[in-house]
C-alpha atoms as a PDB file:
ATOM      1  CA  MET A   1     134.434  41.534  59.517  1.00  0.00           C
ATOM      2  CA  ALA A   2     131.219  39.729  60.372  1.00  0.00           C
ATOM      3  CA  GLU A   3     130.739  38.622  63.955  1.00  0.00           C
ATOM      4  CA  PRO A   4     131.078  34.835  64.388  1.00  0.00           C
ATOM      5  CA  VAL A   5     127.805  32.947  64.558  1.00  0.00           C
ATOM      6  CA  VAL A   6     127.004  29.299  64.009  1.00  0.00           C
ATOM      7  CA  LEU A   7     124.232  28.773  61.484  1.00  0.00           C
ATOM      8  CA  ASP A   8     122.020  25.820  62.365  1.00  0.00           C
ATOM      9  CA  PRO A   9     121.422  24.023  59.022  1.00  0.00           C
ATOM     10  CA  GLU A  10     118.173  22.633  60.401  1.00  0.00           C
ATOM     11  CA  ILE A  11     116.836  26.180  60.698  1.00  0.00           C
ATOM     12  CA  GLY A  12     118.322  27.623  57.519  1.00  0.00           C
ATOM     13  CA  TYR A  13     118.675  31.239  58.638  1.00  0.00           C
ATOM     14  CA  VAL A  14     120.551  33.205  61.269  1.00  0.00           C
ATOM     15  CA  ASP A  15     118.521  32.779  64.445  1.00  0.00           C
ATOM     16  CA  VAL A  16     119.873  35.470  66.760  1.00  0.00           C
ATOM     17  CA  PRO A  17     117.756  37.704  69.006  1.00  0.00           C
ATOM     18  CA  ILE A  18     117.344  41.276  67.762  1.00  0.00           C
ATOM     19  CA  ASP A  19     117.018  44.257  70.067  1.00  0.00           C
ATOM     20  CA  PRO A  20     113.395  45.381  69.482  1.00  0.00           C
ATOM     21  CA  SER A  21     114.476  49.025  69.737  1.00  0.00           C
ATOM     22  CA  LEU A  22     116.879  48.645  66.800  1.00  0.00           C
ATOM     23  CA  ASP A  23     116.074  50.643  63.676  1.00  0.00           C
ATOM     24  CA  LEU A  24     116.506  47.786  61.199  1.00  0.00           C
ATOM     25  CA  ILE A  25     116.288  49.957  58.091  1.00  0.00           C
ATOM     26  CA  ALA A  26     118.961  52.326  59.380  1.00  0.00           C
ATOM     27  CA  GLU A  27     121.157  49.368  60.363  1.00  0.00           C
ATOM     28  CA  ILE A  28     120.753  47.715  56.958  1.00  0.00           C
ATOM     29  CA  ASN A  29     121.719  50.969  55.258  1.00  0.00           C
ATOM     30  CA  ARG A  30     124.743  51.352  57.537  1.00  0.00           C
ATOM     31  CA  LEU A  31     125.924  47.764  57.059  1.00  0.00           C
ATOM     32  CA  ARG A  32     125.621  47.716  53.292  1.00  0.00           C
ATOM     33  CA  LYS A  33     127.739  50.857  53.046  1.00  0.00           C
ATOM     34  CA  GLU A  34     130.277  49.556  55.569  1.00  0.00           C
ATOM     35  CA  LYS A  35     130.564  46.158  53.835  1.00  0.00           C
ATOM     36  CA  ASN A  36     130.287  47.392  50.217  1.00  0.00           C
ATOM     37  CA  ALA A  37     127.230  45.183  49.851  1.00  0.00           C
ATOM     38  CA  ILE A  38     124.468  45.169  47.272  1.00  0.00           C
ATOM     39  CA  ILE A  39     120.930  43.996  48.000  1.00  0.00           C
ATOM     40  CA  LEU A  40     119.237  42.359  45.018  1.00  0.00           C
ATOM     41  CA  ALA A  41     115.524  41.599  45.282  1.00  0.00           C
ATOM     42  CA  HIS A  42     112.952  39.958  43.067  1.00  0.00           C
ATOM     43  CA  TYR A  43     109.578  41.574  42.392  1.00  0.00           C
ATOM     44  CA  TYR A  44     107.911  38.864  44.474  1.00  0.00           C
ATOM     45  CA  GLN A  45     109.469  40.005  47.764  1.00  0.00           C
ATOM     46  CA  GLU A  46     107.638  41.828  50.550  1.00  0.00           C
ATOM     47  CA  PRO A  47     107.187  45.550  49.724  1.00  0.00           C
ATOM     48  CA  ILE A  48     109.516  46.664  52.532  1.00  0.00           C
ATOM     49  CA  ILE A  49     112.332  44.521  51.088  1.00  0.00           C
ATOM     50  CA  GLN A  50     111.645  45.785  47.570  1.00  0.00           C
ATOM     51  CA  ASP A  51     111.928  49.360  48.827  1.00  0.00           C
ATOM     52  CA  LEU A  52     115.272  48.631  50.501  1.00  0.00           C
ATOM     53  CA  ALA A  53     116.860  46.876  47.530  1.00  0.00           C
ATOM     54  CA  ASP A  54     119.631  48.463  45.491  1.00  0.00           C
ATOM     55  CA  TYR A  55     118.126  46.739  42.480  1.00  0.00           C
ATOM     56  CA  ILE A  56     114.761  45.065  41.980  1.00  0.00           C
ATOM     57  CA  GLY A  57     113.847  43.082  38.888  1.00  0.00           C
ATOM     58  CA  ASP A  58     112.972  39.820  37.220  1.00  0.00           C
ATOM     59  CA  SER A  59     115.373  36.934  36.611  1.00  0.00           C
ATOM     60  CA  LEU A  60     116.999  38.451  33.507  1.00  0.00           C
ATOM     61  CA  GLY A  61     117.548  41.831  35.123  1.00  0.00           C
ATOM     62  CA  LEU A  62     118.848  40.245  38.319  1.00  0.00           C
ATOM     63  CA  SER A  63     121.268  38.043  36.349  1.00  0.00           C
ATOM     64  CA  ARG A  64     122.606  41.067  34.515  1.00  0.00           C
ATOM     65  CA  LYS A  65     122.983  43.064  37.708  1.00  0.00           C
ATOM     66  CA  ALA A  66     124.721  40.157  39.460  1.00  0.00           C
ATOM     67  CA  ALA A  67     127.126  39.821  36.528  1.00  0.00           C
ATOM     68  CA  GLU A  68     128.149  43.488  36.546  1.00  0.00           C
ATOM     69  CA  THR A  69     128.236  44.369  40.248  1.00  0.00           C
ATOM     70  CA  ASP A  70     131.476  45.518  41.874  1.00  0.00           C
ATOM     71  CA  ALA A  71     130.128  44.904  45.401  1.00  0.00           C
ATOM     72  CA  ASP A  72     132.097  42.659  47.741  1.00  0.00           C
ATOM     73  CA  LEU A  73     128.966  41.113  49.255  1.00  0.00           C
ATOM     74  CA  ILE A  74     125.760  40.186  47.440  1.00  0.00           C
ATOM     75  CA  VAL A  75     122.650  39.800  49.586  1.00  0.00           C
ATOM     76  CA  PHE A  76     120.027  38.086  47.450  1.00  0.00           C
ATOM     77  CA  ALA A  77     116.396  38.433  48.482  1.00  0.00           C
ATOM     78  CA  GLY A  78     114.962  35.874  46.124  1.00  0.00           C
ATOM     79  CA  VAL A  79     114.748  32.114  45.884  1.00  0.00           C
ATOM     80  CA  HIS A  80     117.685  29.734  46.047  1.00  0.00           C
ATOM     81  CA  PHE A  81     118.330  29.304  42.306  1.00  0.00           C
ATOM     82  CA  MET A  82     118.631  33.099  41.958  1.00  0.00           C
ATOM     83  CA  ALA A  83     121.298  33.308  44.667  1.00  0.00           C
ATOM     84  CA  GLU A  84     123.014  30.304  43.060  1.00  0.00           C
ATOM     85  CA  THR A  85     123.069  32.140  39.732  1.00  0.00           C
ATOM     86  CA  ALA A  86     124.685  35.154  41.404  1.00  0.00           C
ATOM     87  CA  LYS A  87     127.364  32.869  42.844  1.00  0.00           C
ATOM     88  CA  ILE A  88     127.922  31.170  39.483  1.00  0.00           C
ATOM     89  CA  LEU A  89     128.575  34.590  37.978  1.00  0.00           C
ATOM     90  CA  ASN A  90     130.665  35.827  40.935  1.00  0.00           C
ATOM     91  CA  PRO A  91     132.913  33.044  42.280  1.00  0.00           C
ATOM     92  CA  ASP A  92     135.138  35.492  44.143  1.00  0.00           C
ATOM     93  CA  LYS A  93     132.310  37.341  45.886  1.00  0.00           C
ATOM     94  CA  LYS A  94     130.397  36.267  48.957  1.00  0.00           C
ATOM     95  CA  VAL A  95     126.726  35.623  48.191  1.00  0.00           C
ATOM     96  CA  VAL A  96     124.220  35.258  51.022  1.00  0.00           C
ATOM     97  CA  ILE A  97     120.482  34.647  51.127  1.00  0.00           C
ATOM     98  CA  PRO A  98     118.330  35.587  54.128  1.00  0.00           C
ATOM     99  CA  ASP A  99     116.703  32.142  54.366  1.00  0.00           C
ATOM    100  CA  LEU A 100     118.137  28.997  52.764  1.00  0.00           C
ATOM    101  CA  ASN A 101     114.672  27.438  52.837  1.00  0.00           C
ATOM    102  CA  ALA A 102     113.547  29.831  50.081  1.00  0.00           C
ATOM    103  CA  GLY A 103     113.426  27.216  47.373  1.00  0.00           C
ATOM    104  CA  CYS A 104     111.363  27.043  44.194  1.00  0.00           C
ATOM    105  CA  SER A 105     108.604  24.551  43.403  1.00  0.00           C
ATOM    106  CA  LEU A 106     109.471  24.713  39.708  1.00  0.00           C
ATOM    107  CA  ALA A 107     113.177  24.026  40.296  1.00  0.00           C
ATOM    108  CA  ASP A 108     112.262  21.227  42.711  1.00  0.00           C
ATOM    109  CA  SER A 109     110.084  19.614  40.029  1.00  0.00           C
ATOM    110  CA  CYS A 110     113.204  18.900  37.953  1.00  0.00           C
ATOM    111  CA  PRO A 111     115.773  16.805  39.889  1.00  0.00           C
ATOM    112  CA  ALA A 112     119.127  16.729  38.115  1.00  0.00           C
ATOM    113  CA  ASP A 113     119.465  12.934  38.031  1.00  0.00           C
ATOM    114  CA  ALA A 114     115.993  12.462  36.557  1.00  0.00           C
ATOM    115  CA  PHE A 115     116.627  15.245  34.047  1.00  0.00           C
ATOM    116  CA  ALA A 116     119.936  13.673  32.994  1.00  0.00           C
ATOM    117  CA  ALA A 117     118.112  10.402  32.243  1.00  0.00           C
ATOM    118  CA  PHE A 118     115.408  12.325  30.339  1.00  0.00           C
ATOM    119  CA  LYS A 119     118.032  14.198  28.324  1.00  0.00           C
ATOM    120  CA  ALA A 120     119.790  10.935  27.408  1.00  0.00           C
ATOM    121  CA  GLN A 121     116.662   9.838  25.523  1.00  0.00           C
ATOM    122  CA  TYR A 122     117.161  12.704  23.053  1.00  0.00           C
ATOM    123  CA  PRO A 123     120.906  12.772  22.259  1.00  0.00           C
ATOM    124  CA  ASP A 124     120.512  15.001  19.196  1.00  0.00           C
ATOM    125  CA  HIS A 125     118.539  17.703  21.055  1.00  0.00           C
ATOM    126  CA  ILE A 126     119.894  20.981  22.360  1.00  0.00           C
ATOM    127  CA  VAL A 127     118.766  21.763  25.920  1.00  0.00           C
ATOM    128  CA  VAL A 128     117.246  25.166  26.684  1.00  0.00           C
ATOM    129  CA  SER A 129     116.474  25.454  30.383  1.00  0.00           C
ATOM    130  CA  TYR A 130     114.434  28.133  32.094  1.00  0.00           C
ATOM    131  CA  ILE A 131     116.541  29.871  34.730  1.00  0.00           C
ATOM    132  CA  ASN A 132     114.150  28.524  37.415  1.00  0.00           C
ATOM    133  CA  CYS A 133     116.260  25.387  37.880  1.00  0.00           C
ATOM    134  CA  SER A 134     119.142  24.207  40.038  1.00  0.00           C
ATOM    135  CA  ALA A 135     122.815  24.726  39.233  1.00  0.00           C
ATOM    136  CA  ALA A 136     123.032  20.988  38.518  1.00  0.00           C
ATOM    137  CA  VAL A 137     120.308  21.240  35.851  1.00  0.00           C
ATOM    138  CA  LYS A 138     121.931  24.369  34.419  1.00  0.00           C
ATOM    139  CA  ALA A 139     125.136  22.324  34.094  1.00  0.00           C
ATOM    140  CA  LEU A 140     123.208  19.802  31.955  1.00  0.00           C
ATOM    141  CA  SER A 141     121.899  22.568  29.681  1.00  0.00           C
ATOM    142  CA  ASP A 142     123.204  24.275  26.554  1.00  0.00           C
ATOM    143  CA  ILE A 143     121.412  27.615  26.971  1.00  0.00           C
ATOM    144  CA  ILE A 144     119.570  29.206  29.887  1.00  0.00           C
ATOM    145  CA  CYS A 145     116.633  31.547  29.312  1.00  0.00           C
ATOM    146  CA  THR A 146     114.205  33.665  31.311  1.00  0.00           C
ATOM    147  CA  SER A 147     110.600  34.546  30.561  1.00  0.00           C
ATOM    148  CA  SER A 148     111.915  37.883  29.254  1.00  0.00           C
ATOM    149  CA  ASN A 149     114.173  36.380  26.597  1.00  0.00           C
ATOM    150  CA  ALA A 150     112.921  32.818  26.010  1.00  0.00           C
ATOM    151  CA  GLU A 151     111.156  33.507  22.703  1.00  0.00           C
ATOM    152  CA  HIS A 152     114.080  35.617  21.493  1.00  0.00           C
ATOM    153  CA  ILE A 153     116.523  32.799  22.271  1.00  0.00           C
ATOM    154  CA  ILE A 154     114.395  30.020  20.748  1.00  0.00           C
ATOM    155  CA  ARG A 155     114.126  31.996  17.488  1.00  0.00           C
ATOM    156  CA  GLN A 156     117.928  32.168  17.272  1.00  0.00           C
ATOM    157  CA  ILE A 157     118.287  28.371  17.260  1.00  0.00           C
ATOM    158  CA  PRO A 158     118.396  26.910  13.710  1.00  0.00           C
ATOM    159  CA  PRO A 159     114.977  25.452  12.763  1.00  0.00           C
ATOM    160  CA  GLU A 160     116.464  22.046  11.988  1.00  0.00           C
ATOM    161  CA  GLN A 161     117.916  21.732  15.508  1.00  0.00           C
ATOM    162  CA  PRO A 162     115.574  19.785  17.846  1.00  0.00           C
ATOM    163  CA  ILE A 163     115.111  21.246  21.314  1.00  0.00           C
ATOM    164  CA  ILE A 164     114.418  20.023  24.832  1.00  0.00           C
ATOM    165  CA  PHE A 165     112.815  22.749  26.951  1.00  0.00           C
ATOM    166  CA  ALA A 166     112.783  22.467  30.734  1.00  0.00           C
ATOM    167  CA  PRO A 167     111.486  22.646  33.381  1.00  0.00           C
ATOM    168  CA  ASP A 168     108.252  24.667  32.934  1.00  0.00           C
ATOM    169  CA  ARG A 169     105.697  22.946  30.709  1.00  0.00           C
ATOM    170  CA  ASN A 170     103.395  25.991  30.577  1.00  0.00           C
ATOM    171  CA  LEU A 171     106.133  28.341  29.395  1.00  0.00           C
ATOM    172  CA  GLY A 172     107.240  25.614  26.967  1.00  0.00           C
ATOM    173  CA  ARG A 173     103.739  25.258  25.494  1.00  0.00           C
ATOM    174  CA  TYR A 174     103.465  29.023  25.183  1.00  0.00           C
ATOM    175  CA  LEU A 175     106.794  29.128  23.307  1.00  0.00           C
ATOM    176  CA  ILE A 176     105.697  26.330  20.979  1.00  0.00           C
ATOM    177  CA  ARG A 177     102.625  28.372  20.043  1.00  0.00           C
ATOM    178  CA  LYS A 178     104.638  31.577  19.626  1.00  0.00           C
ATOM    179  CA  THR A 179     107.554  30.146  17.631  1.00  0.00           C
ATOM    180  CA  GLY A 180     106.086  27.092  15.929  1.00  0.00           C
ATOM    181  CA  ARG A 181     108.946  24.948  17.262  1.00  0.00           C
ATOM    182  CA  ASP A 182     108.026  21.356  18.172  1.00  0.00           C
ATOM    183  CA  MET A 183     109.987  21.120  21.423  1.00  0.00           C
ATOM    184  CA  VAL A 184     110.215  18.218  23.873  1.00  0.00           C
ATOM    185  CA  LEU A 185     109.000  19.480  27.258  1.00  0.00           C
ATOM    186  CA  TRP A 186     109.884  18.501  30.807  1.00  0.00           C
ATOM    187  CA  ASP A 187     106.718  18.264  32.892  1.00  0.00           C
ATOM    188  CA  GLY A 188     107.315  20.911  35.598  1.00  0.00           C
ATOM    189  CA  VAL A 189     105.129  23.712  36.968  1.00  0.00           C
ATOM    190  CA  CYS A 190     105.150  26.648  39.388  1.00  0.00           C
ATOM    191  CA  ILE A 191     102.754  26.183  42.309  1.00  0.00           C
ATOM    192  CA  VAL A 192     101.685  29.842  42.150  1.00  0.00           C
ATOM    193  CA  HIS A 193     101.080  30.214  38.434  1.00  0.00           C
ATOM    194  CA  GLU A 194      99.317  26.884  37.932  1.00  0.00           C
ATOM    195  CA  THR A 195      96.645  27.711  40.520  1.00  0.00           C
ATOM    196  CA  PHE A 196      95.113  30.833  38.985  1.00  0.00           C
ATOM    197  CA  SER A 197      91.427  30.229  38.372  1.00  0.00           C
ATOM    198  CA  GLU A 198      89.990  30.770  34.895  1.00  0.00           C
ATOM    199  CA  LYS A 199      86.482  30.911  36.379  1.00  0.00           C
ATOM    200  CA  LYS A 200      87.406  33.578  38.930  1.00  0.00           C
ATOM    201  CA  ILE A 201      89.259  35.651  36.327  1.00  0.00           C
ATOM    202  CA  LEU A 202      86.135  35.614  34.139  1.00  0.00           C
ATOM    203  CA  GLN A 203      84.092  36.700  37.165  1.00  0.00           C
ATOM    204  CA  LEU A 204      86.497  39.598  37.705  1.00  0.00           C
ATOM    205  CA  LYS A 205      86.223  40.493  34.009  1.00  0.00           C
ATOM    206  CA  ALA A 206      82.445  40.640  34.364  1.00  0.00           C
ATOM    207  CA  ARG A 207      82.822  42.933  37.375  1.00  0.00           C
ATOM    208  CA  TYR A 208      85.480  45.104  35.669  1.00  0.00           C
ATOM    209  CA  PRO A 209      84.594  44.934  31.949  1.00  0.00           C
ATOM    210  CA  ASP A 210      87.197  47.536  30.995  1.00  0.00           C
ATOM    211  CA  ALA A 211      90.055  45.727  32.745  1.00  0.00           C
ATOM    212  CA  LEU A 212      92.886  44.165  30.780  1.00  0.00           C
ATOM    213  CA  VAL A 213      94.231  40.781  31.876  1.00  0.00           C
ATOM    214  CA  LEU A 214      98.022  40.661  32.178  1.00  0.00           C
ATOM    215  CA  ALA A 215      99.484  37.170  32.608  1.00  0.00           C
ATOM    216  CA  HIS A 216     102.843  35.510  33.098  1.00  0.00           C
ATOM    217  CA  PRO A 217     103.581  32.708  30.585  1.00  0.00           C
ATOM    218  CA  GLU A 218     104.015  30.230  33.471  1.00  0.00           C
ATOM    219  CA  CYS A 219     100.208  30.293  33.805  1.00  0.00           C
ATOM    220  CA  GLU A 220      98.043  27.470  32.475  1.00  0.00           C
ATOM    221  CA  GLU A 221      96.691  27.776  28.930  1.00  0.00           C
ATOM    222  CA  ALA A 222      93.128  28.200  30.252  1.00  0.00           C
ATOM    223  CA  VAL A 223      94.274  31.472  31.856  1.00  0.00           C
ATOM    224  CA  LEU A 224      96.538  32.620  29.025  1.00  0.00           C
ATOM    225  CA  GLN A 225      93.705  32.407  26.482  1.00  0.00           C
ATOM    226  CA  HIS A 226      91.965  35.261  28.313  1.00  0.00           C
ATOM    227  CA  ALA A 227      95.064  37.452  28.593  1.00  0.00           C
ATOM    228  CA  ASP A 228      95.325  40.760  26.766  1.00  0.00           C
ATOM    229  CA  PHE A 229      99.076  40.725  27.363  1.00  0.00           C
ATOM    230  CA  ILE A 230     101.462  37.864  28.215  1.00  0.00           C
ATOM    231  CA  GLY A 231     104.963  38.584  29.443  1.00  0.00           C
ATOM    232  CA  SER A 232     107.599  38.457  32.153  1.00  0.00           C
ATOM    233  CA  THR A 233     107.164  40.408  35.367  1.00  0.00           C
ATOM    234  CA  SER A 234     109.234  43.286  33.977  1.00  0.00           C
ATOM    235  CA  ALA A 235     107.265  43.251  30.732  1.00  0.00           C
ATOM    236  CA  ILE A 236     103.947  43.205  32.626  1.00  0.00           C
ATOM    237  CA  ARG A 237     105.088  46.172  34.705  1.00  0.00           C
ATOM    238  CA  ARG A 238     106.214  48.075  31.602  1.00  0.00           C
ATOM    239  CA  PHE A 239     102.989  47.313  29.689  1.00  0.00           C
ATOM    240  CA  ALA A 240     100.818  48.629  32.529  1.00  0.00           C
ATOM    241  CA  ARG A 241     102.949  51.756  32.847  1.00  0.00           C
ATOM    242  CA  GLU A 242     102.755  52.541  29.127  1.00  0.00           C
ATOM    243  CA  SER A 243      99.145  51.479  28.507  1.00  0.00           C
ATOM    244  CA  PRO A 244      96.381  54.113  28.302  1.00  0.00           C
ATOM    245  CA  HIS A 245      94.107  51.677  30.163  1.00  0.00           C
ATOM    246  CA  THR A 246      93.555  52.246  33.860  1.00  0.00           C
ATOM    247  CA  THR A 247      92.369  48.880  35.241  1.00  0.00           C
ATOM    248  CA  PHE A 248      94.290  45.598  35.132  1.00  0.00           C
ATOM    249  CA  ILE A 249      93.802  42.052  36.397  1.00  0.00           C
ATOM    250  CA  VAL A 250      97.298  40.689  37.031  1.00  0.00           C
ATOM    251  CA  ALA A 251      97.938  36.925  36.853  1.00  0.00           C
ATOM    252  CA  THR A 252     101.329  36.536  38.461  1.00  0.00           C
ATOM    253  CA  GLU A 253     102.683  36.636  42.014  1.00  0.00           C
ATOM    254  CA  GLU A 254     101.096  39.655  43.630  1.00  0.00           C
ATOM    255  CA  GLY A 255     104.398  41.126  44.843  1.00  0.00           C
ATOM    256  CA  ILE A 256     104.737  42.849  41.453  1.00  0.00           C
ATOM    257  CA  LEU A 257     101.670  44.978  42.268  1.00  0.00           C
ATOM    258  CA  HIS A 258     103.724  47.009  44.738  1.00  0.00           C
ATOM    259  CA  GLN A 259     105.917  48.412  41.960  1.00  0.00           C
ATOM    260  CA  MET A 260     102.997  48.768  39.544  1.00  0.00           C
ATOM    261  CA  ARG A 261     101.065  50.853  42.071  1.00  0.00           C
ATOM    262  CA  LYS A 262     104.139  53.008  42.706  1.00  0.00           C
ATOM    263  CA  ASP A 263     104.545  53.485  38.938  1.00  0.00           C
ATOM    264  CA  CYS A 264     100.902  54.394  38.385  1.00  0.00           C
ATOM    265  CA  PRO A 265      99.084  55.311  41.622  1.00  0.00           C
ATOM    266  CA  GLU A 266      96.120  56.528  39.603  1.00  0.00           C
ATOM    267  CA  LYS A 267      95.533  53.072  38.059  1.00  0.00           C
ATOM    268  CA  THR A 268      93.800  50.020  39.546  1.00  0.00           C
ATOM    269  CA  PHE A 269      95.623  46.691  39.812  1.00  0.00           C
ATOM    270  CA  ILE A 270      93.685  43.584  40.841  1.00  0.00           C
ATOM    271  CA  PRO A 271      95.504  40.344  41.689  1.00  0.00           C
ATOM    272  CA  ALA A 272      94.091  37.336  39.848  1.00  0.00           C
ATOM    273  CA  PRO A 273      92.683  34.880  42.414  1.00  0.00           C
ATOM    274  CA  PRO A 274      93.876  31.271  42.698  1.00  0.00           C
ATOM    275  CA  ASP A 275      91.574  28.270  42.422  1.00  0.00           C
ATOM    276  CA  ASN A 276      91.209  27.747  46.164  1.00  0.00           C
ATOM    277  CA  GLY A 277      89.681  29.476  49.176  1.00  0.00           C
ATOM    278  CA  CYS A 278      92.482  32.012  49.478  1.00  0.00           C
ATOM    279  CA  ASN A 279      92.265  35.419  47.811  1.00  0.00           C
ATOM    280  CA  CYS A 280      96.048  35.764  47.724  1.00  0.00           C
ATOM    281  CA  SER A 281      98.565  34.777  45.075  1.00  0.00           C
ATOM    282  CA  GLN A 282     101.839  34.746  46.966  1.00  0.00           C
ATOM    283  CA  CYS A 283     104.846  32.464  46.576  1.00  0.00           C
ATOM    284  CA  PRO A 284     105.412  30.843  49.988  1.00  0.00           C
ATOM    285  CA  HIS A 285     109.128  30.457  49.248  1.00  0.00           C
ATOM    286  CA  MET A 286     109.724  34.088  48.278  1.00  0.00           C
ATOM    287  CA  ARG A 287     107.845  35.264  51.359  1.00  0.00           C
ATOM    288  CA  LEU A 288     110.151  33.393  53.761  1.00  0.00           C
ATOM    289  CA  HIS A 289     112.472  36.387  53.672  1.00  0.00           C
ATOM    290  CA  THR A 290     111.716  39.082  56.230  1.00  0.00           C
ATOM    291  CA  LEU A 291     113.273  42.402  57.180  1.00  0.00           C
ATOM    292  CA  GLU A 292     114.744  40.746  60.272  1.00  0.00           C
ATOM    293  CA  LYS A 293     116.328  37.890  58.291  1.00  0.00           C
ATOM    294  CA  LEU A 294     117.675  40.365  55.745  1.00  0.00           C
ATOM    295  CA  TYR A 295     119.333  42.371  58.522  1.00  0.00           C
ATOM    296  CA  LEU A 296     120.848  39.263  60.126  1.00  0.00           C
ATOM    297  CA  ALA A 297     122.124  37.916  56.788  1.00  0.00           C
ATOM    298  CA  LEU A 298     123.829  41.230  56.106  1.00  0.00           C
ATOM    299  CA  ARG A 299     125.234  41.528  59.625  1.00  0.00           C
ATOM    300  CA  TYR A 300     126.571  37.977  59.943  1.00  0.00           C
ATOM    301  CA  GLU A 301     127.102  37.288  56.204  1.00  0.00           C
ATOM    302  CA  GLN A 302     125.173  34.044  56.452  1.00  0.00           C
ATOM    303  CA  PRO A 303     123.656  31.802  55.137  1.00  0.00           C
ATOM    304  CA  GLU A 304     126.313  31.752  52.420  1.00  0.00           C
ATOM    305  CA  ILE A 305     125.847  30.173  49.004  1.00  0.00           C
ATOM    306  CA  THR A 306     128.780  27.866  48.183  1.00  0.00           C
ATOM    307  CA  MET A 307     129.348  25.672  45.169  1.00  0.00           C
ATOM    308  CA  ASP A 308     131.712  23.078  43.779  1.00  0.00           C
ATOM    309  CA  GLU A 309     133.960  24.839  41.249  1.00  0.00           C
ATOM    310  CA  GLU A 310     133.597  22.202  38.539  1.00  0.00           C
ATOM    311  CA  LEU A 311     129.800  22.410  38.785  1.00  0.00           C
ATOM    312  CA  ARG A 312     129.967  26.213  38.767  1.00  0.00           C
ATOM    313  CA  GLN A 313     132.038  26.219  35.577  1.00  0.00           C
ATOM    314  CA  ARG A 314     129.615  23.882  33.790  1.00  0.00           C
ATOM    315  CA  ALA A 315     126.601  25.910  34.935  1.00  0.00           C
ATOM    316  CA  LEU A 316     128.284  29.164  33.909  1.00  0.00           C
ATOM    317  CA  ARG A 317     128.567  28.333  30.212  1.00  0.00           C
ATOM    318  CA  PRO A 318     124.813  28.232  29.390  1.00  0.00           C
ATOM    319  CA  ILE A 319     124.216  31.373  31.473  1.00  0.00           C
ATOM    320  CA  LEU A 320     126.877  33.267  29.515  1.00  0.00           C
ATOM    321  CA  ARG A 321     125.285  32.056  26.279  1.00  0.00           C
ATOM    322  CA  MET A 322     121.965  33.460  27.493  1.00  0.00           C
ATOM    323  CA  LEU A 323     123.478  36.838  28.331  1.00  0.00           C
ATOM    324  CA  GLU A 324     125.190  36.984  24.939  1.00  0.00           C
ATOM    325  CA  MET A 325     122.063  35.972  23.005  1.00  0.00           C
ATOM    326  CA  SER A 326     119.854  38.492  24.820  1.00  0.00           C
ATOM    327  CA  ARG A 327     122.014  41.609  24.693  1.00  0.00           C
ATOM    328  CA  ASP A 328     119.384  43.542  22.760  1.00  0.00           C
ATOM    329  CA  ILE A 329     116.500  42.644  25.127  1.00  0.00           C
ATOM    330  CA  ARG A 330     115.477  45.581  27.301  1.00  0.00           C
END
């Protein structure tokens, strides 16, 4: 049983002093075994958290793993909507996140009340929502998708059926080009993927003429037009692993480079620079989680993700449709 601790909602994470002599990795390993816990982590987490995770993946892989786990406690090192999705799929399990402040700029760009009003303007449209949205927006949707399965899902919808796609306009525009579907798009973006600089990528290409550009479809069209491969984080990782090329410019959150370098230590992976003075491309929300917060969340089983049951049930239906429609996606 977890020791009692009061979580200050103004802080958003367990704020308890840690003995500096404590071996946090050993303690995390002990606690997860003792509590029958699973640690799920997104590719955009700090390398030390990725290395500790029982499973690391993109949104589709994490959804699948959350749906099939037999753990009693799920510790989700990702952003809030990911932990919410785990709770939607596991109402009887405790789901915790190291820092409740780990939100998502893309999810925040689509408030549920505004989206409901937007949806009401198109009563004959089916709603396909990218998984990067709140449970409340999922509950307003017909099908959820990820960047791994979005094209596959759109192609399964009858051509005569009009579609609303939300919340990422860049992914939506990419899907329109790929599928030829004339979808209505919500105007949302990811703060990381919209800031990659076309000019700086071209400068890198001039410096590394043999490099391939790998880009996530959340990037702006100006970046995607220079990409040699466009795909989800898992697809980008797989492409680099299987490609005979040895140098890659990677236009997505740079956390994925940790796994790519482990896969192929002999290859060179260069993070695409954003259009500002910083040379990094990190999601500030994902990086709120630390080894210390992970340990405290596991020890005290807080902060816990809770949800109204009626909302959970409505949000569950489009997620289950996604999982059913993407069974053959690897």
